[in-house]
Amino acid sequence: MDQTSAIDWTAAVDGYCERLGPEFWAEPINAVTNLAFLCVAVWMWPRTMGVGRLLSAILFAIGVGSGLFHTYAQPWAAVADVLPIVLFILVYIFAINRDVWTLPWYWAFAAMLLFFPYAAMIAWLLGLTGFDLHGTEGYVPVPLLVLGYSVALRRKYPTTAQGLAIGAGILLVSMTARTIDTPLCGQISHGTHFLWHILNAVMLGWMIHVWTRHVLATAARDG
């Protein structure tokens, strides 16, 4: 039997502290804070170019997809939530590989694809530890990779390396807010997931800025 045919794409999903029922407006804070993604995307659009504008458009889509998930809260909306996030990660890796590491586009693309086995390996290692990050496990490979890029670039491009490290730091704080949403639900009635939205919007906008700053600095130096 086709596994996808067994999925109820309209089943109610309750994965966050704030949600107490299947209603459309059952997560008002989680829903409204997705405006942060839209605002940052619109802010960054005229301040970047090329791939940076593509990343800004994807950032806008992240806000829309997450907004759908925190209102409809159904599996189809979860897909709309996750896909733009994955796309942003992949495009950003490609952009760093091509424009910072100066790899030819085809090698930059091939290196980008290595994210999938890398993420699978991190997931496997996390599984061995038994740590329960309450659904945040899938994001762990991202700050580790960004920090790895930062360390590798620290001598050649210290400003860009520092920018990447700051982005990874913001993401780690954001992931903490996402992780403690359920454990602290009894103490914080609306949960902490909304901080994941706000901090991620800031972090993703910052990451676009880091790429843009590097490309402009390179063009000024080579020009």
C-alpha atoms as a PDB file:
ATOM      1  CA  MET A   1       0.000   0.000   0.000  1.00  0.00           C
ATOM      2  CA  ASP A   2       1.217   3.513  -0.784  1.00  0.00           C
ATOM      3  CA  GLN A   3       2.235   4.995   2.546  1.00  0.00           C
ATOM      4  CA  THR A   4       1.185   8.531   1.541  1.00  0.00           C
ATOM      5  CA  SER A   5      -2.388   7.336   0.961  1.00  0.00           C
ATOM      6  CA  ALA A   6      -2.615   6.457   4.656  1.00  0.00           C
ATOM      7  CA  ILE A   7      -1.823  10.003   5.798  1.00  0.00           C
ATOM      8  CA  ASP A   8      -4.764  12.067   6.933  1.00  0.00           C
ATOM      9  CA  TRP A   9      -3.655  15.448   5.648  1.00  0.00           C
ATOM     10  CA  THR A  10      -6.428  17.243   7.546  1.00  0.00           C
ATOM     11  CA  ALA A  11      -5.918  15.603  10.954  1.00  0.00           C
ATOM     12  CA  ALA A  12      -5.485  17.990  13.862  1.00  0.00           C
ATOM     13  CA  VAL A  13      -1.897  18.407  15.088  1.00  0.00           C
ATOM     14  CA  ASP A  14      -1.213  19.552  18.645  1.00  0.00           C
ATOM     15  CA  GLY A  15       2.497  20.011  19.163  1.00  0.00           C
ATOM     16  CA  TYR A  16       2.831  23.254  21.113  1.00  0.00           C
ATOM     17  CA  CYS A  17       2.039  24.494  24.590  1.00  0.00           C
ATOM     18  CA  GLU A  18      -0.200  27.339  23.457  1.00  0.00           C
ATOM     19  CA  ARG A  19      -2.564  25.132  21.432  1.00  0.00           C
ATOM     20  CA  LEU A  20      -5.460  23.823  23.511  1.00  0.00           C
ATOM     21  CA  GLY A  21      -7.752  22.723  20.679  1.00  0.00           C
ATOM     22  CA  PRO A  22      -8.116  22.295  16.891  1.00  0.00           C
ATOM     23  CA  GLU A  23      -9.560  25.762  16.279  1.00  0.00           C
ATOM     24  CA  PHE A  24      -7.999  28.067  13.671  1.00  0.00           C
ATOM     25  CA  TRP A  25      -7.108  30.745  16.224  1.00  0.00           C
ATOM     26  CA  ALA A  26      -5.989  28.404  19.014  1.00  0.00           C
ATOM     27  CA  GLU A  27      -2.381  29.664  18.831  1.00  0.00           C
ATOM     28  CA  PRO A  28      -2.727  33.441  18.519  1.00  0.00           C
ATOM     29  CA  ILE A  29       0.756  34.345  19.784  1.00  0.00           C
ATOM     30  CA  ASN A  30       2.483  31.625  17.773  1.00  0.00           C
ATOM     31  CA  ALA A  31       0.488  32.674  14.712  1.00  0.00           C
ATOM     32  CA  VAL A  32       0.977  36.428  14.954  1.00  0.00           C
ATOM     33  CA  THR A  33       4.713  36.260  15.653  1.00  0.00           C
ATOM     34  CA  ASN A  34       5.210  34.824  12.170  1.00  0.00           C
ATOM     35  CA  LEU A  35       4.808  38.406  11.010  1.00  0.00           C
ATOM     36  CA  ALA A  36       8.425  38.807  12.147  1.00  0.00           C
ATOM     37  CA  PHE A  37       9.556  36.664   9.201  1.00  0.00           C
ATOM     38  CA  LEU A  38       7.524  38.741   6.759  1.00  0.00           C
ATOM     39  CA  CYS A  39       8.792  42.042   8.159  1.00  0.00           C
ATOM     40  CA  VAL A  40      12.439  40.983   8.068  1.00  0.00           C
ATOM     41  CA  ALA A  41      12.054  39.593   4.536  1.00  0.00           C
ATOM     42  CA  VAL A  42      10.570  42.866   3.303  1.00  0.00           C
ATOM     43  CA  TRP A  43      13.277  44.820   5.167  1.00  0.00           C
ATOM     44  CA  MET A  44      16.100  42.795   3.630  1.00  0.00           C
ATOM     45  CA  TRP A  45      14.791  42.734   0.040  1.00  0.00           C
ATOM     46  CA  PRO A  46      16.039  46.214  -1.001  1.00  0.00           C
ATOM     47  CA  ARG A  47      19.229  45.779   1.041  1.00  0.00           C
ATOM     48  CA  THR A  48      20.537  42.741  -0.807  1.00  0.00           C
ATOM     49  CA  MET A  49      20.768  41.383  -4.340  1.00  0.00           C
ATOM     50  CA  GLY A  50      20.954  38.149  -6.347  1.00  0.00           C
ATOM     51  CA  VAL A  51      20.847  35.098  -4.110  1.00  0.00           C
ATOM     52  CA  GLY A  52      20.192  37.417  -1.174  1.00  0.00           C
ATOM     53  CA  ARG A  53      16.853  38.375  -2.709  1.00  0.00           C
ATOM     54  CA  LEU A  54      16.063  34.720  -3.316  1.00  0.00           C
ATOM     55  CA  LEU A  55      16.783  34.070   0.360  1.00  0.00           C
ATOM     56  CA  SER A  56      14.562  37.028   1.309  1.00  0.00           C
ATOM     57  CA  ALA A  57      11.724  35.550  -0.760  1.00  0.00           C
ATOM     58  CA  ILE A  58      12.211  32.174   0.915  1.00  0.00           C
ATOM     59  CA  LEU A  59      12.225  33.919   4.296  1.00  0.00           C
ATOM     60  CA  PHE A  60       8.846  35.424   3.425  1.00  0.00           C
ATOM     61  CA  ALA A  61       7.616  31.929   2.484  1.00  0.00           C
ATOM     62  CA  ILE A  62       8.837  30.633   5.861  1.00  0.00           C
ATOM     63  CA  GLY A  63       6.573  33.161   7.576  1.00  0.00           C
ATOM     64  CA  VAL A  64       3.607  32.188   5.429  1.00  0.00           C
ATOM     65  CA  GLY A  65       4.176  28.445   5.894  1.00  0.00           C
ATOM     66  CA  SER A  66       4.667  28.727   9.641  1.00  0.00           C
ATOM     67  CA  GLY A  67       1.591  30.942   9.875  1.00  0.00           C
ATOM     68  CA  LEU A  68      -0.463  28.293   8.106  1.00  0.00           C
ATOM     69  CA  PHE A  69       0.794  25.594  10.450  1.00  0.00           C
ATOM     70  CA  HIS A  70       0.060  27.568  13.615  1.00  0.00           C
ATOM     71  CA  THR A  71      -3.482  28.315  12.451  1.00  0.00           C
ATOM     72  CA  TYR A  72      -4.683  25.263  10.495  1.00  0.00           C
ATOM     73  CA  ALA A  73      -2.380  22.878  12.457  1.00  0.00           C
ATOM     74  CA  GLN A  74      -2.731  20.007  10.015  1.00  0.00           C
ATOM     75  CA  PRO A  75      -0.135  17.784   8.274  1.00  0.00           C
ATOM     76  CA  TRP A  76      -0.380  19.606   4.927  1.00  0.00           C
ATOM     77  CA  ALA A  77       0.374  22.863   6.754  1.00  0.00           C
ATOM     78  CA  ALA A  78       3.326  21.200   8.494  1.00  0.00           C
ATOM     79  CA  VAL A  79       4.782  20.491   5.048  1.00  0.00           C
ATOM     80  CA  ALA A  80       4.232  24.131   4.083  1.00  0.00           C
ATOM     81  CA  ASP A  81       6.055  25.050   7.286  1.00  0.00           C
ATOM     82  CA  VAL A  82       9.095  22.792   6.866  1.00  0.00           C
ATOM     83  CA  LEU A  83       9.831  22.955   3.127  1.00  0.00           C
ATOM     84  CA  PRO A  84      10.795  26.664   2.980  1.00  0.00           C
ATOM     85  CA  ILE A  85      13.089  26.183   5.983  1.00  0.00           C
ATOM     86  CA  VAL A  86      14.907  23.318   4.257  1.00  0.00           C
ATOM     87  CA  LEU A  87      15.091  25.362   1.049  1.00  0.00           C
ATOM     88  CA  PHE A  88      16.610  28.333   2.890  1.00  0.00           C
ATOM     89  CA  ILE A  89      19.271  26.092   4.448  1.00  0.00           C
ATOM     90  CA  LEU A  90      20.202  24.543   1.103  1.00  0.00           C
ATOM     91  CA  VAL A  91      20.307  27.825  -0.812  1.00  0.00           C
ATOM     92  CA  TYR A  92      22.401  29.455   1.918  1.00  0.00           C
ATOM     93  CA  ILE A  93      24.897  26.586   1.915  1.00  0.00           C
ATOM     94  CA  PHE A  94      25.145  26.864  -1.862  1.00  0.00           C
ATOM     95  CA  ALA A  95      25.667  30.628  -1.636  1.00  0.00           C
ATOM     96  CA  ILE A  96      28.434  30.303   0.957  1.00  0.00           C
ATOM     97  CA  ASN A  97      30.121  27.527  -1.016  1.00  0.00           C
ATOM     98  CA  ARG A  98      30.026  29.543  -4.232  1.00  0.00           C
ATOM     99  CA  ASP A  99      30.547  33.108  -3.040  1.00  0.00           C
ATOM    100  CA  VAL A 100      32.720  32.697   0.065  1.00  0.00           C
ATOM    101  CA  TRP A 101      34.616  29.484  -0.661  1.00  0.00           C
ATOM    102  CA  THR A 102      34.603  30.518  -4.358  1.00  0.00           C
ATOM    103  CA  LEU A 103      33.785  27.031  -5.577  1.00  0.00           C
ATOM    104  CA  PRO A 104      32.486  26.597  -9.139  1.00  0.00           C
ATOM    105  CA  TRP A 105      28.692  26.449  -9.062  1.00  0.00           C
ATOM    106  CA  TYR A 106      28.591  22.715  -9.772  1.00  0.00           C
ATOM    107  CA  TRP A 107      30.936  21.908  -6.872  1.00  0.00           C
ATOM    108  CA  ALA A 108      29.049  24.344  -4.671  1.00  0.00           C
ATOM    109  CA  PHE A 109      25.843  22.491  -5.537  1.00  0.00           C
ATOM    110  CA  ALA A 110      27.429  19.066  -4.960  1.00  0.00           C
ATOM    111  CA  ALA A 111      28.761  20.195  -1.583  1.00  0.00           C
ATOM    112  CA  MET A 112      25.303  21.514  -0.726  1.00  0.00           C
ATOM    113  CA  LEU A 113      23.852  18.038  -1.281  1.00  0.00           C
ATOM    114  CA  LEU A 114      26.231  16.661   1.339  1.00  0.00           C
ATOM    115  CA  PHE A 115      24.026  18.360   3.913  1.00  0.00           C
ATOM    116  CA  PHE A 116      21.600  15.427   3.709  1.00  0.00           C
ATOM    117  CA  PRO A 117      24.009  12.629   4.741  1.00  0.00           C
ATOM    118  CA  TYR A 118      25.595  15.009   7.256  1.00  0.00           C
ATOM    119  CA  ALA A 119      22.210  15.751   8.848  1.00  0.00           C
ATOM    120  CA  ALA A 120      21.373  12.030   8.878  1.00  0.00           C
ATOM    121  CA  MET A 121      24.650  11.302  10.669  1.00  0.00           C
ATOM    122  CA  ILE A 122      23.972  13.959  13.327  1.00  0.00           C
ATOM    123  CA  ALA A 123      20.448  12.585  13.797  1.00  0.00           C
ATOM    124  CA  TRP A 124      21.898   9.103  14.272  1.00  0.00           C
ATOM    125  CA  LEU A 125      24.413  10.361  16.837  1.00  0.00           C
ATOM    126  CA  LEU A 126      21.689  12.239  18.698  1.00  0.00           C
ATOM    127  CA  GLY A 127      19.628   9.086  18.737  1.00  0.00           C
ATOM    128  CA  LEU A 128      22.477   7.279  20.470  1.00  0.00           C
ATOM    129  CA  THR A 129      22.564   9.876  23.242  1.00  0.00           C
ATOM    130  CA  GLY A 130      18.884   9.488  24.070  1.00  0.00           C
ATOM    131  CA  PHE A 131      18.450  13.233  24.585  1.00  0.00           C
ATOM    132  CA  ASP A 132      14.879  14.441  24.114  1.00  0.00           C
ATOM    133  CA  LEU A 133      14.890  17.889  22.534  1.00  0.00           C
ATOM    134  CA  HIS A 134      11.099  17.863  22.079  1.00  0.00           C
ATOM    135  CA  GLY A 135      11.116  18.060  18.296  1.00  0.00           C
ATOM    136  CA  THR A 136      14.137  20.345  17.918  1.00  0.00           C
ATOM    137  CA  GLU A 137      16.515  17.490  17.094  1.00  0.00           C
ATOM    138  CA  GLY A 138      16.209  18.017  13.364  1.00  0.00           C
ATOM    139  CA  TYR A 139      17.650  21.512  13.622  1.00  0.00           C
ATOM    140  CA  VAL A 140      20.818  20.546  15.524  1.00  0.00           C
ATOM    141  CA  PRO A 141      22.928  20.002  12.361  1.00  0.00           C
ATOM    142  CA  VAL A 142      22.416  23.624  11.291  1.00  0.00           C
ATOM    143  CA  PRO A 143      24.213  25.602  14.042  1.00  0.00           C
ATOM    144  CA  LEU A 144      26.944  22.959  14.110  1.00  0.00           C
ATOM    145  CA  LEU A 145      27.518  23.414  10.384  1.00  0.00           C
ATOM    146  CA  VAL A 146      27.455  27.201  10.614  1.00  0.00           C
ATOM    147  CA  LEU A 147      29.959  27.113  13.472  1.00  0.00           C
ATOM    148  CA  GLY A 148      32.126  24.748  11.430  1.00  0.00           C
ATOM    149  CA  TYR A 149      32.110  27.192   8.516  1.00  0.00           C
ATOM    150  CA  SER A 150      32.920  30.003  10.933  1.00  0.00           C
ATOM    151  CA  VAL A 151      35.957  28.207  12.344  1.00  0.00           C
ATOM    152  CA  ALA A 152      37.188  27.250   8.878  1.00  0.00           C
ATOM    153  CA  LEU A 153      36.892  30.842   7.614  1.00  0.00           C
ATOM    154  CA  ARG A 154      38.242  32.628  10.675  1.00  0.00           C
ATOM    155  CA  ARG A 155      41.717  33.331   9.216  1.00  0.00           C
ATOM    156  CA  LYS A 156      40.796  34.111   5.625  1.00  0.00           C
ATOM    157  CA  TYR A 157      37.596  36.084   6.262  1.00  0.00           C
ATOM    158  CA  PRO A 158      37.415  36.967   9.979  1.00  0.00           C
ATOM    159  CA  THR A 159      34.492  39.400   9.609  1.00  0.00           C
ATOM    160  CA  THR A 160      32.372  36.862   7.745  1.00  0.00           C
ATOM    161  CA  ALA A 161      33.407  34.131  10.177  1.00  0.00           C
ATOM    162  CA  GLN A 162      32.362  36.301  13.107  1.00  0.00           C
ATOM    163  CA  GLY A 163      29.030  37.021  11.424  1.00  0.00           C
ATOM    164  CA  LEU A 164      28.369  33.312  10.937  1.00  0.00           C
ATOM    165  CA  ALA A 165      29.258  32.625  14.590  1.00  0.00           C
ATOM    166  CA  ILE A 166      26.805  35.307  15.738  1.00  0.00           C
ATOM    167  CA  GLY A 167      24.095  33.736  13.564  1.00  0.00           C
ATOM    168  CA  ALA A 168      24.797  30.304  15.048  1.00  0.00           C
ATOM    169  CA  GLY A 169      24.621  31.789  18.549  1.00  0.00           C
ATOM    170  CA  ILE A 170      21.228  33.367  17.899  1.00  0.00           C
ATOM    171  CA  LEU A 171      19.996  30.076  16.467  1.00  0.00           C
ATOM    172  CA  LEU A 172      21.126  28.153  19.549  1.00  0.00           C
ATOM    173  CA  VAL A 173      19.173  30.533  21.801  1.00  0.00           C
ATOM    174  CA  SER A 174      16.192  30.185  19.463  1.00  0.00           C
ATOM    175  CA  MET A 175      16.423  26.390  19.555  1.00  0.00           C
ATOM    176  CA  THR A 176      16.488  26.515  23.350  1.00  0.00           C
ATOM    177  CA  ALA A 177      13.216  28.473  23.321  1.00  0.00           C
ATOM    178  CA  ARG A 178      11.692  25.862  21.013  1.00  0.00           C
ATOM    179  CA  THR A 179      12.938  22.966  23.132  1.00  0.00           C
ATOM    180  CA  ILE A 180      11.616  24.230  26.469  1.00  0.00           C
ATOM    181  CA  ASP A 181       8.150  25.080  25.115  1.00  0.00           C
ATOM    182  CA  THR A 182       6.655  21.781  26.282  1.00  0.00           C
ATOM    183  CA  PRO A 183       8.652  21.172  29.504  1.00  0.00           C
ATOM    184  CA  LEU A 184       7.825  24.659  30.831  1.00  0.00           C
ATOM    185  CA  CYS A 185       4.211  24.645  29.698  1.00  0.00           C
ATOM    186  CA  GLY A 186       2.974  24.380  33.278  1.00  0.00           C
ATOM    187  CA  GLN A 187       4.909  27.469  34.308  1.00  0.00           C
ATOM    188  CA  ILE A 188       4.490  29.587  31.147  1.00  0.00           C
ATOM    189  CA  SER A 189       0.903  29.268  29.984  1.00  0.00           C
ATOM    190  CA  HIS A 190       1.499  30.443  26.392  1.00  0.00           C
ATOM    191  CA  GLY A 191       4.771  28.550  26.043  1.00  0.00           C
ATOM    192  CA  THR A 192       8.003  29.817  24.537  1.00  0.00           C
ATOM    193  CA  HIS A 193       7.621  28.769  20.902  1.00  0.00           C
ATOM    194  CA  PHE A 194       6.832  32.331  19.838  1.00  0.00           C
ATOM    195  CA  LEU A 195      10.425  33.260  20.738  1.00  0.00           C
ATOM    196  CA  TRP A 196      11.577  30.683  18.182  1.00  0.00           C
ATOM    197  CA  HIS A 197       9.773  32.714  15.525  1.00  0.00           C
ATOM    198  CA  ILE A 198      11.090  36.105  16.592  1.00  0.00           C
ATOM    199  CA  LEU A 199      14.687  34.988  17.112  1.00  0.00           C
ATOM    200  CA  ASN A 200      14.726  32.951  13.902  1.00  0.00           C
ATOM    201  CA  ALA A 201      13.445  35.916  11.909  1.00  0.00           C
ATOM    202  CA  VAL A 202      16.290  38.013  13.307  1.00  0.00           C
ATOM    203  CA  MET A 203      18.819  35.235  12.730  1.00  0.00           C
ATOM    204  CA  LEU A 204      17.797  34.534   9.126  1.00  0.00           C
ATOM    205  CA  GLY A 205      17.805  38.220   8.284  1.00  0.00           C
ATOM    206  CA  TRP A 206      21.258  38.492   9.855  1.00  0.00           C
ATOM    207  CA  MET A 207      22.514  35.536   7.813  1.00  0.00           C
ATOM    208  CA  ILE A 208      21.338  37.231   4.607  1.00  0.00           C
ATOM    209  CA  HIS A 209      23.148  40.368   5.754  1.00  0.00           C
ATOM    210  CA  VAL A 210      26.365  38.398   6.398  1.00  0.00           C
ATOM    211  CA  TRP A 211      26.311  36.962   2.874  1.00  0.00           C
ATOM    212  CA  THR A 212      25.471  40.355   1.350  1.00  0.00           C
ATOM    213  CA  ARG A 213      28.227  42.131   3.268  1.00  0.00           C
ATOM    214  CA  HIS A 214      30.781  39.553   2.178  1.00  0.00           C
ATOM    215  CA  VAL A 215      29.806  39.730  -1.501  1.00  0.00           C
ATOM    216  CA  LEU A 216      29.864  43.542  -1.506  1.00  0.00           C
ATOM    217  CA  ALA A 217      33.235  43.615   0.274  1.00  0.00           C
ATOM    218  CA  THR A 218      34.658  41.130  -2.224  1.00  0.00           C
ATOM    219  CA  ALA A 219      33.362  43.149  -5.162  1.00  0.00           C
ATOM    220  CA  ALA A 220      34.833  46.373  -3.717  1.00  0.00           C
ATOM    221  CA  ARG A 221      38.195  44.697  -3.132  1.00  0.00           C
ATOM    222  CA  ASP A 222      38.364  43.075  -6.567  1.00  0.00           C
ATOM    223  CA  GLY A 223      36.971  46.117  -8.325  1.00  0.00           C
END
